[in-house]
Amino acid sequence: MAVDYRNPTATKPIRTGFSIVAYPLQRIVDAPFDLYTKVTGFFANQLHLASENAALKEQLRLYSVQYRDMQVLEQQNARLRDLLKVDKRVGYTFTMAEVIAASDERGRQVVTLNKGSRDGVHEKQVVLAEGGNIYGQVVEVTPFSSKVMELTDRQHAIPVRNLRTGMRALASGTGKADILELKSIVAGSNVQDGDVFVSSGLDMLFPPDFPVAKVIPNGVQYIPGDPFANISAKPLINFDNTREVLLLWRISPSPAEMLSAAPPASSPKPADTKTKKDEKTKKDEKPASKATTTNKTVERPQ
C-alpha cells in the first residue's frame, strides 16, 4: 500500500491483476441485486405502459368522435362554399421530426432536425409543436437535416392578432426561451393579462389562427410619453422540453376545383343586344319625323 501510494504507476499491473481475479466474485455478489432491480423494473414498466395504453385508448375514442363531427362540419362548409362560389380552403399535411441538436451560439434559438431536403423539407417552412402551436420556421436545409429558428430568436418576428379583440401586432423574439415582445401596439390599447395572440397570416408565410403566445401577468406596461406599449408574452411552447415537432406543408386546391368554385363569366344576351340596337334606331328616327312635319306645315300657307 505504501508503494502504491508513492508510485501508483509501478503497482498498476498488480492492481489490474487483482481486478481481473475479483471481477467474477463481484458479479456473483451483485447478481441477486441486479436480478431484483430488473424484475421490479420490468413489472413497473409494464404497469406504467398498461395505464398509459388505457389513457391513450380513451383519448383515441374521444378524438374519433370529434373527428366525425369535424367531417360533418367540413362537408357543410364545402357545400356552402360551392353555393357562394368561394375558393376552396387551403389544406395542410404534417410530418413528425426530431430535434437532434441545439445552437451553441449565445442568444440564438436555433435547433437542428433529423429531416432534410430528401424528405421534402424546404426553407421558410413552418414548424409546429404539440397542440398546433407555432414553433418556428426552417432557415437552412441539407439533404439529411435542417435548421429551425425558434419564435424566441432575436432575429425572428411574426405578425399576430389578439384572439379576443382582433387587434394586430408583431411578436418579436428576445433571445430568451420564455419571453416574446409584442410590438406596434398603441399605448392605451385594450390588451389584458392572459390575452392569447394567434398568427394573423398577413405575412403569407405562417398560416392564420395558429396559437403563438399569451400575455404574462403584469406584462402590459405603459411609459409616459411613449406612443407604444411595452407588452411581454410567453410562448405557448416549452422549447427546452420539446423533442418532437411537426413540419407543415400546404395543400393548394387543384385547378379543376378552383375553376369549379370560380363564378361564371357574364356575357351579354343576344336579345339584350338586339333590344339596345332597336332602341338606338328608334331614337335616331324620332328627330327626322319632326323635321318632316315642320316642313309640311311651313309649305301650307304658300
C-alpha atoms as a PDB file:
ATOM      1  CA  MET A   1       0.000   0.000   0.000  1.00  0.00           C
ATOM      2  CA  ALA A   2       2.892   2.358   0.780  1.00  0.00           C
ATOM      3  CA  VAL A   3       4.487   1.628  -2.607  1.00  0.00           C
ATOM      4  CA  ASP A   4       1.139   2.039  -4.357  1.00  0.00           C
ATOM      5  CA  TYR A   5       0.636   5.381  -2.605  1.00  0.00           C
ATOM      6  CA  ARG A   6       4.093   6.673  -3.512  1.00  0.00           C
ATOM      7  CA  ASN A   7       4.356   5.192  -7.027  1.00  0.00           C
ATOM      8  CA  PRO A   8       0.945   4.166  -8.458  1.00  0.00           C
ATOM      9  CA  THR A   9       2.404   3.530 -11.905  1.00  0.00           C
ATOM     10  CA  ALA A  10       4.674   0.757 -10.610  1.00  0.00           C
ATOM     11  CA  THR A  11       1.820  -1.141  -8.975  1.00  0.00           C
ATOM     12  CA  LYS A  12      -0.687  -0.662 -11.774  1.00  0.00           C
ATOM     13  CA  PRO A  13      -0.136  -4.190 -13.253  1.00  0.00           C
ATOM     14  CA  ILE A  14      -0.728  -5.706  -9.809  1.00  0.00           C
ATOM     15  CA  ARG A  15      -3.940  -3.745  -9.302  1.00  0.00           C
ATOM     16  CA  THR A  16      -5.097  -4.786 -12.769  1.00  0.00           C
ATOM     17  CA  GLY A  17      -4.473  -8.450 -11.972  1.00  0.00           C
ATOM     18  CA  PHE A  18      -6.401  -8.244  -8.691  1.00  0.00           C
ATOM     19  CA  SER A  19      -9.288  -6.555 -10.540  1.00  0.00           C
ATOM     20  CA  ILE A  20      -9.418  -9.383 -13.098  1.00  0.00           C
ATOM     21  CA  VAL A  21      -9.436 -12.021 -10.365  1.00  0.00           C
ATOM     22  CA  ALA A  22     -12.039 -10.202  -8.237  1.00  0.00           C
ATOM     23  CA  TYR A  23     -14.418  -9.369 -11.104  1.00  0.00           C
ATOM     24  CA  PRO A  24     -16.236 -12.766 -11.122  1.00  0.00           C
ATOM     25  CA  LEU A  25     -16.700 -12.532  -7.372  1.00  0.00           C
ATOM     26  CA  GLN A  26     -18.192  -9.064  -7.724  1.00  0.00           C
ATOM     27  CA  ARG A  27     -20.611 -10.301 -10.391  1.00  0.00           C
ATOM     28  CA  ILE A  28     -21.702 -13.210  -8.156  1.00  0.00           C
ATOM     29  CA  VAL A  29     -22.302 -10.894  -5.198  1.00  0.00           C
ATOM     30  CA  ASP A  30     -24.185  -8.337  -7.293  1.00  0.00           C
ATOM     31  CA  ALA A  31     -26.262 -10.910  -9.190  1.00  0.00           C
ATOM     32  CA  PRO A  32     -29.187 -11.052  -6.687  1.00  0.00           C
ATOM     33  CA  PHE A  33     -29.429  -7.271  -6.534  1.00  0.00           C
ATOM     34  CA  ASP A  34     -29.279  -6.962 -10.326  1.00  0.00           C
ATOM     35  CA  LEU A  35     -31.973  -9.600 -10.718  1.00  0.00           C
ATOM     36  CA  TYR A  36     -34.215  -7.855  -8.178  1.00  0.00           C
ATOM     37  CA  THR A  37     -33.754  -4.489  -9.914  1.00  0.00           C
ATOM     38  CA  LYS A  38     -34.529  -5.913 -13.352  1.00  0.00           C
ATOM     39  CA  VAL A  39     -37.622  -7.807 -12.188  1.00  0.00           C
ATOM     40  CA  THR A  40     -39.095  -4.872 -10.283  1.00  0.00           C
ATOM     41  CA  GLY A  41     -38.264  -2.523 -13.144  1.00  0.00           C
ATOM     42  CA  PHE A  42     -39.911  -4.874 -15.635  1.00  0.00           C
ATOM     43  CA  PHE A  43     -43.182  -5.050 -13.732  1.00  0.00           C
ATOM     44  CA  ALA A  44     -43.127  -1.312 -13.012  1.00  0.00           C
ATOM     45  CA  ASN A  45     -42.682  -0.582 -16.704  1.00  0.00           C
ATOM     46  CA  GLN A  46     -45.488  -2.994 -17.556  1.00  0.00           C
ATOM     47  CA  LEU A  47     -47.863  -1.253 -15.160  1.00  0.00           C
ATOM     48  CA  HIS A  48     -46.861   2.153 -16.498  1.00  0.00           C
ATOM     49  CA  LEU A  49     -47.314   1.027 -20.103  1.00  0.00           C
ATOM     50  CA  ALA A  50     -50.702  -0.533 -19.289  1.00  0.00           C
ATOM     51  CA  SER A  51     -52.001   2.662 -17.659  1.00  0.00           C
ATOM     52  CA  GLU A  52     -50.595   4.790 -20.468  1.00  0.00           C
ATOM     53  CA  ASN A  53     -52.166   2.484 -23.066  1.00  0.00           C
ATOM     54  CA  ALA A  54     -55.572   2.756 -21.369  1.00  0.00           C
ATOM     55  CA  ALA A  55     -55.327   6.560 -21.279  1.00  0.00           C
ATOM     56  CA  LEU A  56     -54.365   6.656 -24.957  1.00  0.00           C
ATOM     57  CA  LYS A  57     -57.288   4.409 -25.892  1.00  0.00           C
ATOM     58  CA  GLU A  58     -59.696   6.705 -24.045  1.00  0.00           C
ATOM     59  CA  GLN A  59     -58.190   9.722 -25.773  1.00  0.00           C
ATOM     60  CA  LEU A  60     -58.465   7.949 -29.129  1.00  0.00           C
ATOM     61  CA  ARG A  61     -62.190   7.327 -28.580  1.00  0.00           C
ATOM     62  CA  LEU A  62     -62.709  10.994 -27.771  1.00  0.00           C
ATOM     63  CA  TYR A  63     -60.760  12.134 -30.827  1.00  0.00           C
ATOM     64  CA  SER A  64     -62.648   9.717 -33.083  1.00  0.00           C
ATOM     65  CA  VAL A  65     -65.968  11.298 -32.064  1.00  0.00           C
ATOM     66  CA  GLN A  66     -64.574  14.810 -32.516  1.00  0.00           C
ATOM     67  CA  TYR A  67     -63.149  13.832 -35.899  1.00  0.00           C
ATOM     68  CA  ARG A  68     -66.556  12.548 -37.020  1.00  0.00           C
ATOM     69  CA  ASP A  69     -68.135  15.878 -36.053  1.00  0.00           C
ATOM     70  CA  MET A  70     -65.362  17.737 -37.848  1.00  0.00           C
ATOM     71  CA  GLN A  71     -66.004  15.743 -41.023  1.00  0.00           C
ATOM     72  CA  VAL A  72     -69.675  16.761 -40.936  1.00  0.00           C
ATOM     73  CA  LEU A  73     -68.718  20.409 -40.476  1.00  0.00           C
ATOM     74  CA  GLU A  74     -66.210  20.219 -43.327  1.00  0.00           C
ATOM     75  CA  GLN A  75     -68.864  18.784 -45.641  1.00  0.00           C
ATOM     76  CA  GLN A  76     -71.301  21.539 -44.697  1.00  0.00           C
ATOM     77  CA  ASN A  77     -68.577  24.126 -45.190  1.00  0.00           C
ATOM     78  CA  ALA A  78     -67.754  22.706 -48.620  1.00  0.00           C
ATOM     79  CA  ARG A  79     -71.414  22.870 -49.696  1.00  0.00           C
ATOM     80  CA  LEU A  80     -71.723  26.466 -48.524  1.00  0.00           C
ATOM     81  CA  ARG A  81     -68.560  27.433 -50.375  1.00  0.00           C
ATOM     82  CA  ASP A  82     -69.913  25.822 -53.549  1.00  0.00           C
ATOM     83  CA  LEU A  83     -73.181  27.719 -53.209  1.00  0.00           C
ATOM     84  CA  LEU A  84     -71.399  31.026 -52.568  1.00  0.00           C
ATOM     85  CA  LYS A  85     -68.763  30.344 -55.249  1.00  0.00           C
ATOM     86  CA  VAL A  86     -65.942  30.822 -52.734  1.00  0.00           C
ATOM     87  CA  ASP A  87     -62.451  29.402 -53.279  1.00  0.00           C
ATOM     88  CA  LYS A  88     -61.547  26.176 -51.547  1.00  0.00           C
ATOM     89  CA  ARG A  89     -59.690  26.438 -48.247  1.00  0.00           C
ATOM     90  CA  VAL A  90     -56.010  25.585 -48.186  1.00  0.00           C
ATOM     91  CA  GLY A  91     -55.316  22.222 -46.548  1.00  0.00           C
ATOM     92  CA  TYR A  92     -52.256  21.012 -44.685  1.00  0.00           C
ATOM     93  CA  THR A  93     -50.227  17.836 -44.254  1.00  0.00           C
ATOM     94  CA  PHE A  94     -47.740  17.130 -41.478  1.00  0.00           C
ATOM     95  CA  THR A  95     -44.625  15.063 -40.868  1.00  0.00           C
ATOM     96  CA  MET A  96     -43.001  14.496 -37.496  1.00  0.00           C
ATOM     97  CA  ALA A  97     -39.325  15.350 -36.996  1.00  0.00           C
ATOM     98  CA  GLU A  98     -36.984  15.019 -34.026  1.00  0.00           C
ATOM     99  CA  VAL A  99     -34.752  17.699 -32.523  1.00  0.00           C
ATOM    100  CA  ILE A 100     -31.203  16.331 -32.505  1.00  0.00           C
ATOM    101  CA  ALA A 101     -29.095  19.389 -31.622  1.00  0.00           C
ATOM    102  CA  ALA A 102     -29.316  22.969 -30.372  1.00  0.00           C
ATOM    103  CA  SER A 103     -27.241  26.013 -31.234  1.00  0.00           C
ATOM    104  CA  ASP A 104     -24.253  26.798 -29.020  1.00  0.00           C
ATOM    105  CA  GLU A 105     -24.246  30.467 -30.017  1.00  0.00           C
ATOM    106  CA  ARG A 106     -25.380  32.695 -27.180  1.00  0.00           C
ATOM    107  CA  GLY A 107     -28.694  34.430 -27.761  1.00  0.00           C
ATOM    108  CA  ARG A 108     -29.582  32.297 -30.790  1.00  0.00           C
ATOM    109  CA  GLN A 109     -32.544  29.954 -30.579  1.00  0.00           C
ATOM    110  CA  VAL A 110     -31.803  27.561 -33.459  1.00  0.00           C
ATOM    111  CA  VAL A 111     -32.204  23.777 -33.397  1.00  0.00           C
ATOM    112  CA  THR A 112     -31.358  21.002 -35.849  1.00  0.00           C
ATOM    113  CA  LEU A 113     -33.910  18.439 -37.043  1.00  0.00           C
ATOM    114  CA  ASN A 114     -33.330  14.954 -38.430  1.00  0.00           C
ATOM    115  CA  LYS A 115     -35.285  15.762 -41.623  1.00  0.00           C
ATOM    116  CA  GLY A 116     -33.782  17.356 -44.732  1.00  0.00           C
ATOM    117  CA  SER A 117     -34.340  18.063 -48.400  1.00  0.00           C
ATOM    118  CA  ARG A 118     -34.619  14.361 -49.214  1.00  0.00           C
ATOM    119  CA  ASP A 119     -37.744  14.363 -47.011  1.00  0.00           C
ATOM    120  CA  GLY A 120     -39.216  17.351 -48.841  1.00  0.00           C
ATOM    121  CA  VAL A 121     -38.179  19.973 -46.276  1.00  0.00           C
ATOM    122  CA  HIS A 122     -37.581  23.454 -47.716  1.00  0.00           C
ATOM    123  CA  GLU A 123     -36.545  26.854 -46.428  1.00  0.00           C
ATOM    124  CA  LYS A 124     -39.212  29.082 -44.827  1.00  0.00           C
ATOM    125  CA  GLN A 125     -41.265  26.031 -43.982  1.00  0.00           C
ATOM    126  CA  VAL A 126     -43.495  26.376 -40.929  1.00  0.00           C
ATOM    127  CA  VAL A 127     -42.759  24.161 -37.923  1.00  0.00           C
ATOM    128  CA  LEU A 128     -45.368  23.371 -35.261  1.00  0.00           C
ATOM    129  CA  ALA A 129     -45.126  21.863 -31.803  1.00  0.00           C
ATOM    130  CA  GLU A 130     -47.542  19.764 -29.803  1.00  0.00           C
ATOM    131  CA  GLY A 131     -51.069  21.165 -29.813  1.00  0.00           C
ATOM    132  CA  GLY A 132     -50.607  23.040 -33.091  1.00  0.00           C
ATOM    133  CA  ASN A 133     -48.648  25.890 -31.500  1.00  0.00           C
ATOM    134  CA  ILE A 134     -46.194  27.599 -33.836  1.00  0.00           C
ATOM    135  CA  TYR A 135     -42.584  26.589 -33.091  1.00  0.00           C
ATOM    136  CA  GLY A 136     -40.655  28.499 -35.766  1.00  0.00           C
ATOM    137  CA  GLN A 137     -39.537  28.259 -39.372  1.00  0.00           C
ATOM    138  CA  VAL A 138     -36.855  26.420 -41.349  1.00  0.00           C
ATOM    139  CA  VAL A 139     -33.881  28.645 -42.216  1.00  0.00           C
ATOM    140  CA  GLU A 140     -31.364  26.150 -43.615  1.00  0.00           C
ATOM    141  CA  VAL A 141     -31.724  22.775 -45.309  1.00  0.00           C
ATOM    142  CA  THR A 142     -29.249  19.987 -46.065  1.00  0.00           C
ATOM    143  CA  PRO A 143     -30.054  16.579 -47.582  1.00  0.00           C
ATOM    144  CA  PHE A 144     -30.229  14.850 -44.194  1.00  0.00           C
ATOM    145  CA  SER A 145     -31.032  17.639 -41.709  1.00  0.00           C
ATOM    146  CA  SER A 146     -32.450  21.136 -41.386  1.00  0.00           C
ATOM    147  CA  LYS A 147     -32.117  24.075 -39.028  1.00  0.00           C
ATOM    148  CA  VAL A 148     -35.138  25.754 -37.467  1.00  0.00           C
ATOM    149  CA  MET A 149     -35.238  29.248 -35.998  1.00  0.00           C
ATOM    150  CA  GLU A 150     -37.486  29.328 -32.947  1.00  0.00           C
ATOM    151  CA  LEU A 151     -40.022  32.072 -32.219  1.00  0.00           C
ATOM    152  CA  THR A 152     -37.879  33.448 -29.407  1.00  0.00           C
ATOM    153  CA  ASP A 153     -34.780  34.047 -31.559  1.00  0.00           C
ATOM    154  CA  ARG A 154     -33.727  37.690 -31.680  1.00  0.00           C
ATOM    155  CA  GLN A 155     -33.928  37.711 -35.476  1.00  0.00           C
ATOM    156  CA  HIS A 156     -37.424  36.236 -35.655  1.00  0.00           C
ATOM    157  CA  ALA A 157     -40.730  38.108 -35.915  1.00  0.00           C
ATOM    158  CA  ILE A 158     -44.264  37.031 -36.775  1.00  0.00           C
ATOM    159  CA  PRO A 159     -47.450  39.090 -37.315  1.00  0.00           C
ATOM    160  CA  VAL A 160     -50.138  38.165 -34.798  1.00  0.00           C
ATOM    161  CA  ARG A 161     -53.589  39.284 -33.688  1.00  0.00           C
ATOM    162  CA  ASN A 162     -55.382  39.336 -30.372  1.00  0.00           C
ATOM    163  CA  LEU A 163     -57.824  36.443 -30.221  1.00  0.00           C
ATOM    164  CA  ARG A 164     -60.169  38.455 -28.002  1.00  0.00           C
ATOM    165  CA  THR A 165     -60.210  41.832 -29.760  1.00  0.00           C
ATOM    166  CA  GLY A 166     -58.718  41.114 -33.197  1.00  0.00           C
ATOM    167  CA  MET A 167     -56.048  43.807 -32.759  1.00  0.00           C
ATOM    168  CA  ARG A 168     -52.902  43.184 -34.804  1.00  0.00           C
ATOM    169  CA  ALA A 169     -49.331  43.258 -33.511  1.00  0.00           C
ATOM    170  CA  LEU A 170     -45.838  41.941 -34.200  1.00  0.00           C
ATOM    171  CA  ALA A 171     -44.360  39.245 -31.946  1.00  0.00           C
ATOM    172  CA  SER A 172     -40.567  39.538 -31.855  1.00  0.00           C
ATOM    173  CA  GLY A 173     -38.042  37.262 -30.217  1.00  0.00           C
ATOM    174  CA  THR A 174     -35.914  38.456 -27.318  1.00  0.00           C
ATOM    175  CA  GLY A 175     -33.239  35.759 -27.255  1.00  0.00           C
ATOM    176  CA  LYS A 176     -34.808  34.266 -24.118  1.00  0.00           C
ATOM    177  CA  ALA A 177     -36.567  30.917 -24.327  1.00  0.00           C
ATOM    178  CA  ASP A 178     -39.689  32.048 -22.443  1.00  0.00           C
ATOM    179  CA  ILE A 179     -40.324  35.677 -23.483  1.00  0.00           C
ATOM    180  CA  LEU A 180     -41.691  37.353 -26.620  1.00  0.00           C
ATOM    181  CA  GLU A 181     -42.150  41.076 -27.131  1.00  0.00           C
ATOM    182  CA  LEU A 182     -45.376  42.351 -28.720  1.00  0.00           C
ATOM    183  CA  LYS A 183     -44.640  45.460 -30.778  1.00  0.00           C
ATOM    184  CA  SER A 184     -46.664  48.013 -32.781  1.00  0.00           C
ATOM    185  CA  ILE A 185     -49.394  48.221 -30.124  1.00  0.00           C
ATOM    186  CA  VAL A 186     -50.501  51.780 -29.441  1.00  0.00           C
ATOM    187  CA  ALA A 187     -50.412  52.932 -25.826  1.00  0.00           C
ATOM    188  CA  GLY A 188     -53.816  52.667 -24.194  1.00  0.00           C
ATOM    189  CA  SER A 189     -54.920  49.752 -26.351  1.00  0.00           C
ATOM    190  CA  ASN A 190     -57.258  47.123 -24.956  1.00  0.00           C
ATOM    191  CA  VAL A 191     -54.702  44.470 -24.012  1.00  0.00           C
ATOM    192  CA  GLN A 192     -55.099  42.473 -20.822  1.00  0.00           C
ATOM    193  CA  ASP A 193     -53.085  39.893 -18.925  1.00  0.00           C
ATOM    194  CA  GLY A 194     -53.843  36.429 -20.246  1.00  0.00           C
ATOM    195  CA  ASP A 195     -54.798  37.563 -23.780  1.00  0.00           C
ATOM    196  CA  VAL A 196     -53.862  34.942 -26.366  1.00  0.00           C
ATOM    197  CA  PHE A 197     -52.286  36.040 -29.641  1.00  0.00           C
ATOM    198  CA  VAL A 198     -52.547  33.863 -32.753  1.00  0.00           C
ATOM    199  CA  SER A 199     -50.890  34.139 -36.150  1.00  0.00           C
ATOM    200  CA  SER A 200     -52.638  36.603 -38.455  1.00  0.00           C
ATOM    201  CA  GLY A 201     -51.349  35.160 -41.730  1.00  0.00           C
ATOM    202  CA  LEU A 202     -50.602  38.634 -43.143  1.00  0.00           C
ATOM    203  CA  ASP A 203     -47.002  37.691 -43.914  1.00  0.00           C
ATOM    204  CA  MET A 204     -48.207  34.959 -46.324  1.00  0.00           C
ATOM    205  CA  LEU A 205     -45.829  32.538 -44.561  1.00  0.00           C
ATOM    206  CA  PHE A 206     -47.406  31.379 -41.314  1.00  0.00           C
ATOM    207  CA  PRO A 207     -50.962  30.054 -41.643  1.00  0.00           C
ATOM    208  CA  PRO A 208     -53.599  32.110 -39.812  1.00  0.00           C
ATOM    209  CA  ASP A 209     -55.206  31.324 -36.461  1.00  0.00           C
ATOM    210  CA  PHE A 210     -52.407  29.148 -35.029  1.00  0.00           C
ATOM    211  CA  PRO A 211     -51.572  29.891 -31.333  1.00  0.00           C
ATOM    212  CA  VAL A 212     -48.371  31.850 -30.718  1.00  0.00           C
ATOM    213  CA  ALA A 213     -48.156  33.445 -27.253  1.00  0.00           C
ATOM    214  CA  LYS A 214     -50.031  34.548 -24.149  1.00  0.00           C
ATOM    215  CA  VAL A 215     -49.596  37.838 -22.261  1.00  0.00           C
ATOM    216  CA  ILE A 216     -47.887  37.198 -18.920  1.00  0.00           C
ATOM    217  CA  PRO A 217     -49.174  38.637 -15.590  1.00  0.00           C
ATOM    218  CA  ASN A 218     -48.224  42.308 -15.304  1.00  0.00           C
ATOM    219  CA  GLY A 219     -46.888  42.079 -18.840  1.00  0.00           C
ATOM    220  CA  VAL A 220     -48.636  45.251 -20.069  1.00  0.00           C
ATOM    221  CA  GLN A 221     -46.704  48.418 -19.255  1.00  0.00           C
ATOM    222  CA  TYR A 222     -47.196  51.989 -20.435  1.00  0.00           C
ATOM    223  CA  ILE A 223     -44.366  54.503 -20.250  1.00  0.00           C
ATOM    224  CA  PRO A 224     -45.458  58.183 -20.173  1.00  0.00           C
ATOM    225  CA  GLY A 225     -44.587  59.879 -23.447  1.00  0.00           C
ATOM    226  CA  ASP A 226     -44.079  56.607 -25.343  1.00  0.00           C
ATOM    227  CA  PRO A 227     -46.661  56.193 -28.142  1.00  0.00           C
ATOM    228  CA  PHE A 228     -46.408  52.393 -27.968  1.00  0.00           C
ATOM    229  CA  ALA A 229     -46.961  49.978 -25.110  1.00  0.00           C
ATOM    230  CA  ASN A 230     -44.372  47.549 -23.763  1.00  0.00           C
ATOM    231  CA  ILE A 231     -46.037  44.127 -23.711  1.00  0.00           C
ATOM    232  CA  SER A 232     -44.357  40.850 -22.800  1.00  0.00           C
ATOM    233  CA  ALA A 233     -45.855  37.488 -23.698  1.00  0.00           C
ATOM    234  CA  LYS A 234     -44.911  33.896 -23.064  1.00  0.00           C
ATOM    235  CA  PRO A 235     -44.790  31.363 -25.907  1.00  0.00           C
ATOM    236  CA  LEU A 236     -47.244  28.507 -25.616  1.00  0.00           C
ATOM    237  CA  ILE A 237     -44.326  26.065 -26.015  1.00  0.00           C
ATOM    238  CA  ASN A 238     -41.649  24.852 -23.617  1.00  0.00           C
ATOM    239  CA  PHE A 239     -38.755  24.911 -26.071  1.00  0.00           C
ATOM    240  CA  ASP A 240     -36.345  23.220 -23.638  1.00  0.00           C
ATOM    241  CA  ASN A 241     -38.566  20.131 -23.255  1.00  0.00           C
ATOM    242  CA  THR A 242     -39.749  19.838 -26.863  1.00  0.00           C
ATOM    243  CA  ARG A 243     -38.087  16.932 -28.672  1.00  0.00           C
ATOM    244  CA  GLU A 244     -40.578  16.263 -31.481  1.00  0.00           C
ATOM    245  CA  VAL A 245     -42.049  18.827 -33.874  1.00  0.00           C
ATOM    246  CA  LEU A 246     -44.319  18.808 -36.908  1.00  0.00           C
ATOM    247  CA  LEU A 247     -43.288  20.050 -40.351  1.00  0.00           C
ATOM    248  CA  LEU A 248     -46.198  21.639 -42.219  1.00  0.00           C
ATOM    249  CA  TRP A 249     -46.933  21.522 -45.955  1.00  0.00           C
ATOM    250  CA  ARG A 250     -49.717  23.485 -47.640  1.00  0.00           C
ATOM    251  CA  ILE A 251     -52.127  21.667 -49.962  1.00  0.00           C
ATOM    252  CA  SER A 252     -53.421  24.125 -52.533  1.00  0.00           C
ATOM    253  CA  PRO A 253     -56.704  23.321 -54.310  1.00  0.00           C
ATOM    254  CA  SER A 254     -56.355  21.795 -57.775  1.00  0.00           C
ATOM    255  CA  PRO A 255     -57.026  23.925 -60.896  1.00  0.00           C
ATOM    256  CA  ALA A 256     -60.243  21.981 -61.515  1.00  0.00           C
ATOM    257  CA  GLU A 257     -61.516  22.822 -58.020  1.00  0.00           C
ATOM    258  CA  MET A 258     -60.557  26.466 -58.442  1.00  0.00           C
ATOM    259  CA  LEU A 259     -62.430  26.634 -61.770  1.00  0.00           C
ATOM    260  CA  SER A 260     -65.486  24.962 -60.295  1.00  0.00           C
ATOM    261  CA  ALA A 261     -65.526  27.419 -57.397  1.00  0.00           C
ATOM    262  CA  ALA A 262     -64.991  30.468 -59.607  1.00  0.00           C
ATOM    263  CA  PRO A 263     -68.152  32.437 -60.588  1.00  0.00           C
ATOM    264  CA  PRO A 264     -69.190  32.081 -64.274  1.00  0.00           C
ATOM    265  CA  ALA A 265     -68.192  34.906 -66.579  1.00  0.00           C
ATOM    266  CA  SER A 266     -71.170  37.114 -67.507  1.00  0.00           C
ATOM    267  CA  SER A 267     -71.826  37.656 -71.229  1.00  0.00           C
ATOM    268  CA  PRO A 268     -74.499  39.860 -72.890  1.00  0.00           C
ATOM    269  CA  LYS A 269     -77.524  38.021 -74.192  1.00  0.00           C
ATOM    270  CA  PRO A 270     -78.377  38.265 -77.922  1.00  0.00           C
ATOM    271  CA  ALA A 271     -81.834  39.514 -77.086  1.00  0.00           C
ATOM    272  CA  ASP A 272     -80.449  42.311 -74.963  1.00  0.00           C
ATOM    273  CA  THR A 273     -78.105  43.372 -77.764  1.00  0.00           C
ATOM    274  CA  LYS A 274     -80.932  43.411 -80.248  1.00  0.00           C
ATOM    275  CA  THR A 275     -83.144  45.452 -77.940  1.00  0.00           C
ATOM    276  CA  LYS A 276     -80.434  48.050 -77.435  1.00  0.00           C
ATOM    277  CA  LYS A 277     -79.955  48.342 -81.177  1.00  0.00           C
ATOM    278  CA  ASP A 278     -83.721  48.760 -81.715  1.00  0.00           C
ATOM    279  CA  GLU A 279     -83.886  51.497 -79.068  1.00  0.00           C
ATOM    280  CA  LYS A 280     -80.982  53.304 -80.671  1.00  0.00           C
ATOM    281  CA  THR A 281     -82.669  53.097 -84.086  1.00  0.00           C
ATOM    282  CA  LYS A 282     -85.927  54.498 -82.695  1.00  0.00           C
ATOM    283  CA  LYS A 283     -84.115  57.401 -81.067  1.00  0.00           C
ATOM    284  CA  ASP A 284     -82.399  58.238 -84.349  1.00  0.00           C
ATOM    285  CA  GLU A 285     -85.683  58.083 -86.264  1.00  0.00           C
ATOM    286  CA  LYS A 286     -87.725  60.434 -83.998  1.00  0.00           C
ATOM    287  CA  PRO A 287     -85.957  63.735 -84.839  1.00  0.00           C
ATOM    288  CA  ALA A 288     -86.286  63.021 -88.592  1.00  0.00           C
ATOM    289  CA  SER A 289     -90.076  62.676 -88.304  1.00  0.00           C
ATOM    290  CA  LYS A 290     -90.345  66.029 -86.533  1.00  0.00           C
ATOM    291  CA  ALA A 291     -88.342  67.756 -89.257  1.00  0.00           C
ATOM    292  CA  THR A 292     -90.631  66.407 -91.975  1.00  0.00           C
ATOM    293  CA  THR A 293     -93.757  67.580 -90.185  1.00  0.00           C
ATOM    294  CA  THR A 294     -92.332  71.059 -89.728  1.00  0.00           C
ATOM    295  CA  ASN A 295     -91.540  71.366 -93.415  1.00  0.00           C
ATOM    296  CA  LYS A 296     -95.072  70.443 -94.408  1.00  0.00           C
ATOM    297  CA  THR A 297     -96.561  72.994 -92.008  1.00  0.00           C
ATOM    298  CA  VAL A 298     -94.417  75.777 -93.436  1.00  0.00           C
ATOM    299  CA  GLU A 299     -95.366  74.952 -97.003  1.00  0.00           C
ATOM    300  CA  ARG A 300     -99.159  75.130 -96.411  1.00  0.00           C
ATOM    301  CA  PRO A 301     -99.544  78.962 -96.436  1.00  0.00           C
ATOM    302  CA  GLN A 302     -97.929  79.142 -99.843  1.00  0.00           C
END
